[in-house]
Amino acid sequence: MERAAQEGRSPAGGQPLTPLDREGWATLAASLTRIRERMQEAIHRFAPDVSERREAVESRAATLYWLSLLLLRLDEEIIDDLDPARTERKFGTLSAEERTGLSQLVEALHSEVSQMRAQIERLRAEKGGHS
């Protein structure tokens, strides 16, 4: 809610939203803070073991796992959608210049993703990906 209201970031990842002005957000923020505090109190009171588990810091291996998963989603769900053939199916015929430009962009982005995958693997190899 904070990102949507203050930064204009859509929860769905779509088009940017118009952020609220400071005053508009202030009243909502106060209510949201009270809600968050009450929920945390309830969790601590009624499910302390859940609270402890949620506050525990995950391992470095877990961070690398999530980074790898997010990178895969980036590659398959976003970069692949820029392929000229897919783009044409969605938006219509592209000019030769647009096809070439998108092809080069996709190739460059896949190269960056490959480099990131290799870096994640190097990080996993260090200390066994733990700590």
Protein backbone atom coordinates (compact mmCIF):
# COMPACT_ATOMS: atom_id res chain seq x y z
CA MET A 1 0.00 0.00 0.00
CA GLU A 2 2.83 2.37 0.82
CA ARG A 3 4.54 1.81 -2.52
CA ALA A 4 1.31 2.38 -4.40
CA ALA A 5 0.34 5.49 -2.46
CA GLN A 6 3.77 7.13 -2.13
CA GLU A 7 5.76 5.87 -5.09
CA GLY A 8 2.97 5.19 -7.57
CA ARG A 9 4.04 1.56 -7.97
CA SER A 10 1.21 -0.69 -9.07
CA PRO A 11 0.91 -3.93 -7.08
CA ALA A 12 0.23 -5.67 -10.40
CA GLY A 13 3.42 -4.28 -11.90
CA GLY A 14 1.50 -2.50 -14.64
CA GLN A 15 1.44 1.14 -15.53
CA PRO A 16 2.60 3.60 -12.88
CA LEU A 17 0.00 5.08 -10.56
CA THR A 18 -0.35 8.71 -9.52
CA PRO A 19 1.11 8.96 -6.00
CA LEU A 20 -0.98 10.62 -3.34
CA ASP A 21 0.12 13.98 -1.99
CA ARG A 22 1.63 14.09 1.49
CA GLU A 23 -1.62 15.04 3.20
CA GLY A 24 -3.65 12.42 1.37
CA TRP A 25 -1.25 9.70 2.39
CA ALA A 26 -0.81 10.89 6.00
CA THR A 27 -4.30 9.90 7.16
CA LEU A 28 -4.10 6.53 5.44
CA ALA A 29 -0.60 5.92 6.80
CA ALA A 30 -1.73 6.51 10.37
CA SER A 31 -4.54 3.97 10.01
CA LEU A 32 -2.24 1.49 8.31
CA THR A 33 0.29 1.83 11.14
CA ARG A 34 -2.41 1.11 13.72
CA ILE A 35 -3.61 -1.92 11.75
CA ARG A 36 -0.06 -3.26 11.45
CA GLU A 37 0.59 -2.78 15.19
CA ARG A 38 -2.65 -4.49 16.18
CA MET A 39 -1.97 -7.41 13.87
CA GLN A 40 1.57 -7.83 15.23
CA GLU A 41 0.27 -7.74 18.81
CA ALA A 42 -2.30 -10.41 17.97
CA ILE A 43 0.29 -12.64 16.33
CA HIS A 44 2.65 -12.27 19.30
CA ARG A 45 -0.19 -13.06 21.71
CA PHE A 46 -1.97 -15.88 19.90
CA ALA A 47 0.78 -17.44 17.79
CA PRO A 48 4.19 -16.55 19.25
CA ASP A 49 5.92 -19.41 17.43
CA VAL A 50 4.68 -18.06 14.08
CA SER A 51 5.98 -14.63 15.01
CA GLU A 52 9.42 -16.00 15.88
CA ARG A 53 9.63 -17.96 12.62
CA ARG A 54 8.61 -14.93 10.54
CA GLU A 55 11.22 -12.73 12.21
CA ALA A 56 14.04 -15.24 11.78
CA VAL A 57 16.48 -14.31 9.04
CA GLU A 58 16.71 -16.80 6.20
CA SER A 59 20.06 -18.20 5.10
CA ARG A 60 22.24 -16.88 2.30
CA ALA A 61 21.28 -19.98 0.33
CA ALA A 62 17.62 -18.94 0.57
CA THR A 63 18.49 -15.46 -0.73
CA LEU A 64 20.35 -16.99 -3.68
CA TYR A 65 17.45 -19.37 -4.32
CA TRP A 66 14.99 -16.46 -4.50
CA LEU A 67 17.30 -14.40 -6.68
CA SER A 68 17.64 -17.34 -9.05
CA LEU A 69 13.87 -17.82 -9.16
CA LEU A 70 13.21 -14.12 -9.76
CA LEU A 71 15.85 -14.07 -12.48
CA LEU A 72 14.14 -17.00 -14.19
CA ARG A 73 10.80 -15.14 -14.06
CA LEU A 74 12.46 -12.04 -15.50
CA ASP A 75 13.95 -14.08 -18.32
CA GLU A 76 10.86 -16.12 -19.18
CA GLU A 77 8.03 -13.71 -18.43
CA ILE A 78 9.46 -10.35 -19.40
CA ILE A 79 12.49 -10.63 -21.67
CA ASP A 80 11.04 -13.43 -23.79
CA ASP A 81 7.92 -11.31 -24.34
CA LEU A 82 10.12 -8.75 -26.13
CA ASP A 83 10.95 -11.25 -28.87
CA PRO A 84 9.85 -9.68 -32.18
CA ALA A 85 7.55 -12.58 -33.09
CA ARG A 86 5.74 -12.38 -29.75
CA THR A 87 5.61 -8.60 -29.89
CA GLU A 88 4.04 -8.74 -33.35
CA ARG A 89 1.37 -11.18 -32.15
CA LYS A 90 0.40 -8.71 -29.45
CA PHE A 91 0.85 -5.34 -31.16
CA GLY A 92 0.92 -5.94 -34.90
CA THR A 93 3.56 -5.82 -37.59
CA LEU A 94 6.92 -4.28 -36.76
CA SER A 95 9.23 -2.49 -39.14
CA ALA A 96 12.54 -4.13 -40.03
CA GLU A 97 14.30 -1.58 -37.78
CA GLU A 98 12.00 -2.42 -34.85
CA ARG A 99 12.50 -6.16 -35.37
CA THR A 100 16.27 -5.75 -35.47
CA GLY A 101 16.28 -3.46 -32.45
CA LEU A 102 14.12 -5.81 -30.39
CA SER A 103 16.20 -8.82 -31.43
CA GLN A 104 19.38 -7.06 -30.36
CA LEU A 105 17.77 -5.98 -27.09
CA VAL A 106 16.57 -9.51 -26.30
CA GLU A 107 20.01 -10.92 -27.09
CA ALA A 108 21.72 -8.34 -24.85
CA LEU A 109 19.25 -8.94 -22.01
CA HIS A 110 19.67 -12.72 -22.24
CA SER A 111 23.42 -12.17 -22.07
CA GLU A 112 23.01 -10.09 -18.89
CA VAL A 113 20.79 -12.80 -17.40
CA SER A 114 23.41 -15.44 -18.23
CA GLN A 115 26.06 -13.35 -16.50
CA MET A 116 23.83 -12.97 -13.47
CA ARG A 117 23.16 -16.73 -13.37
CA ALA A 118 26.90 -17.37 -13.44
CA GLN A 119 27.43 -14.85 -10.64
CA ILE A 120 24.71 -16.49 -8.53
CA GLU A 121 26.40 -19.85 -9.07
CA ARG A 122 29.76 -18.35 -8.00
CA LEU A 123 28.10 -16.95 -4.88
CA ARG A 124 26.58 -20.37 -4.16
CA ALA A 125 30.00 -21.97 -4.49
CA GLU A 126 31.49 -19.54 -1.95
CA LYS A 127 31.04 -21.01 1.50
CA GLY A 128 28.63 -23.49 -0.06
CA GLY A 129 26.06 -20.72 -0.59
CA HIS A 130 25.41 -20.57 3.15
CA SER A 131 25.70 -18.04 5.99
